[in-house]
Amino acid sequence: VAVVTEASGFTLHGTAIGHGGRWSAFGIAYGSSPGFSFLNATIPLNLDPLLQVFLGLPASIVLLPAEGYRSLRVAMPSANPLSGVPLYAAHVILDLNTLTIPGLSSALPFVLP
């Protein structure tokens, strides 16, 4: 996962070559440790209120395009309540046919301006 931040929001970029057509989930959270167990993996984000709200956003979970790459732009208000707060992002690939996680990024720390 990669994160590009700017005053008006941030963009998450995820790559999972060879996993096109599987489900792709982006998440952000206040913390990355201890994470939580899901299917056959430990997701490197804490299951905190920020992650729970983020997973409800449109396009946080979508089918990964065949190319194995996708981005998600998240706009933030001008009075950004998360400005200066340490955050973590991760990208998870889900295979619902086998109920496994064949792809998982590390947690990437970032701070919004």
Protein backbone atom coordinates (compact mmCIF):
# COMPACT_ATOMS: atom_id res chain seq x y z
CA VAL A 1 0.00 0.00 0.00
CA ALA A 2 1.08 3.57 -0.67
CA VAL A 3 -0.44 6.80 0.62
CA VAL A 4 -0.27 10.25 -0.95
CA THR A 5 -1.41 13.02 1.38
CA GLU A 6 -2.45 16.57 0.63
CA ALA A 7 -4.38 19.31 2.43
CA SER A 8 -7.69 18.29 0.86
CA GLY A 9 -7.42 14.56 1.61
CA PHE A 10 -5.40 11.48 0.74
CA THR A 11 -5.15 8.75 -1.88
CA LEU A 12 -4.49 5.09 -1.16
CA HIS A 13 -2.77 3.01 -3.85
CA GLY A 14 -2.79 -0.78 -3.77
CA THR A 15 -0.99 -3.26 -6.01
CA ALA A 16 -1.59 -7.00 -6.11
CA ILE A 17 -0.40 -8.26 -9.49
CA GLY A 18 -1.89 -11.67 -10.24
CA HIS A 19 -4.89 -11.13 -7.95
CA GLY A 20 -7.19 -9.29 -10.36
CA GLY A 21 -10.84 -10.24 -9.87
CA ARG A 22 -10.45 -10.85 -6.14
CA TRP A 23 -11.79 -8.50 -3.49
CA SER A 24 -9.54 -5.61 -2.49
CA ALA A 25 -9.98 -3.84 0.84
CA PHE A 26 -8.22 -0.66 1.97
CA GLY A 27 -8.22 0.23 5.62
CA ILE A 28 -6.91 2.99 7.86
CA ALA A 29 -6.68 2.88 11.64
CA TYR A 30 -5.21 4.73 14.59
CA GLY A 31 -2.92 1.81 15.40
CA SER A 32 -1.22 -1.21 13.84
CA SER A 33 -0.43 -3.38 16.82
CA PRO A 34 -1.60 -5.94 17.79
CA GLY A 35 -3.86 -6.02 14.71
CA PHE A 36 -6.60 -8.64 14.50
CA SER A 37 -7.07 -12.16 13.15
CA PHE A 38 -9.26 -12.62 10.09
CA LEU A 39 -9.52 -15.81 8.06
CA ASN A 40 -5.94 -17.13 7.65
CA ALA A 41 -4.07 -13.88 8.46
CA THR A 42 -3.41 -11.20 11.01
CA ILE A 43 -4.55 -7.86 9.62
CA PRO A 44 -1.89 -5.27 10.57
CA LEU A 45 -4.44 -2.66 11.68
CA ASN A 46 -6.27 -2.35 14.97
CA LEU A 47 -10.00 -2.91 14.76
CA ASP A 48 -10.66 0.56 16.17
CA PRO A 49 -13.55 2.99 15.47
CA LEU A 50 -11.66 4.65 12.59
CA LEU A 51 -11.18 1.34 10.75
CA GLN A 52 -14.80 0.36 11.35
CA VAL A 53 -16.07 3.65 9.88
CA PHE A 54 -13.57 3.55 7.00
CA LEU A 55 -14.68 0.07 5.90
CA GLY A 56 -18.19 1.50 5.48
CA LEU A 57 -17.05 4.06 2.91
CA PRO A 58 -18.05 3.49 -0.71
CA ALA A 59 -15.18 1.82 -2.60
CA SER A 60 -13.21 0.79 0.50
CA ILE A 61 -13.92 -2.82 -0.58
CA VAL A 62 -14.22 -3.53 -4.33
CA LEU A 63 -13.24 -6.12 -6.91
CA LEU A 64 -9.61 -5.60 -7.88
CA PRO A 65 -9.26 -4.74 -11.58
CA ALA A 66 -7.57 -7.35 -13.79
CA GLU A 67 -4.38 -5.26 -13.87
CA GLY A 68 -3.96 -5.80 -10.11
CA TYR A 69 -3.83 -2.09 -9.23
CA ARG A 70 -6.32 0.35 -7.75
CA SER A 71 -6.53 3.70 -5.98
CA LEU A 72 -9.01 5.30 -3.60
CA ARG A 73 -9.20 9.06 -3.11
CA VAL A 74 -10.64 10.22 0.22
CA ALA A 75 -11.57 13.88 0.53
CA MET A 76 -11.27 15.52 3.95
CA PRO A 77 -13.00 18.68 5.21
CA SER A 78 -10.97 21.88 5.48
CA ALA A 79 -11.16 21.62 9.27
CA ASN A 80 -9.63 18.13 9.15
CA PRO A 81 -10.13 16.35 12.50
CA LEU A 82 -7.36 13.86 11.62
CA SER A 83 -4.73 16.49 10.77
CA GLY A 84 -1.47 15.72 12.56
CA VAL A 85 -2.74 12.40 13.98
CA PRO A 86 -0.54 9.35 13.30
CA LEU A 87 -2.49 6.88 11.14
CA TYR A 88 -1.80 3.52 9.50
CA ALA A 89 -2.99 2.13 6.16
CA ALA A 90 -3.09 -1.42 4.79
CA HIS A 91 -4.32 -3.26 1.68
CA VAL A 92 -5.92 -6.70 1.96
CA ILE A 93 -6.79 -9.11 -0.87
CA LEU A 94 -9.67 -11.49 -0.14
CA ASP A 95 -10.47 -14.71 -2.01
CA LEU A 96 -14.08 -15.47 -1.14
CA ASN A 97 -14.03 -18.77 -3.06
CA THR A 98 -11.41 -20.26 -0.73
CA LEU A 99 -12.07 -17.96 2.25
CA THR A 100 -8.41 -16.96 2.42
CA ILE A 101 -6.32 -13.83 2.27
CA PRO A 102 -3.81 -14.41 -0.55
CA GLY A 103 -2.38 -10.89 -0.33
CA LEU A 104 -1.72 -8.53 2.56
CA SER A 105 0.42 -5.41 2.86
CA SER A 106 2.30 -4.27 5.92
CA ALA A 107 0.83 -1.35 7.84
CA LEU A 108 2.14 1.92 6.46
CA PRO A 109 2.32 4.86 8.88
CA PHE A 110 1.28 8.30 7.62
CA VAL A 111 0.16 11.69 8.91
CA LEU A 112 -2.30 14.03 7.22
CA PRO A 113 -1.22 17.68 6.93
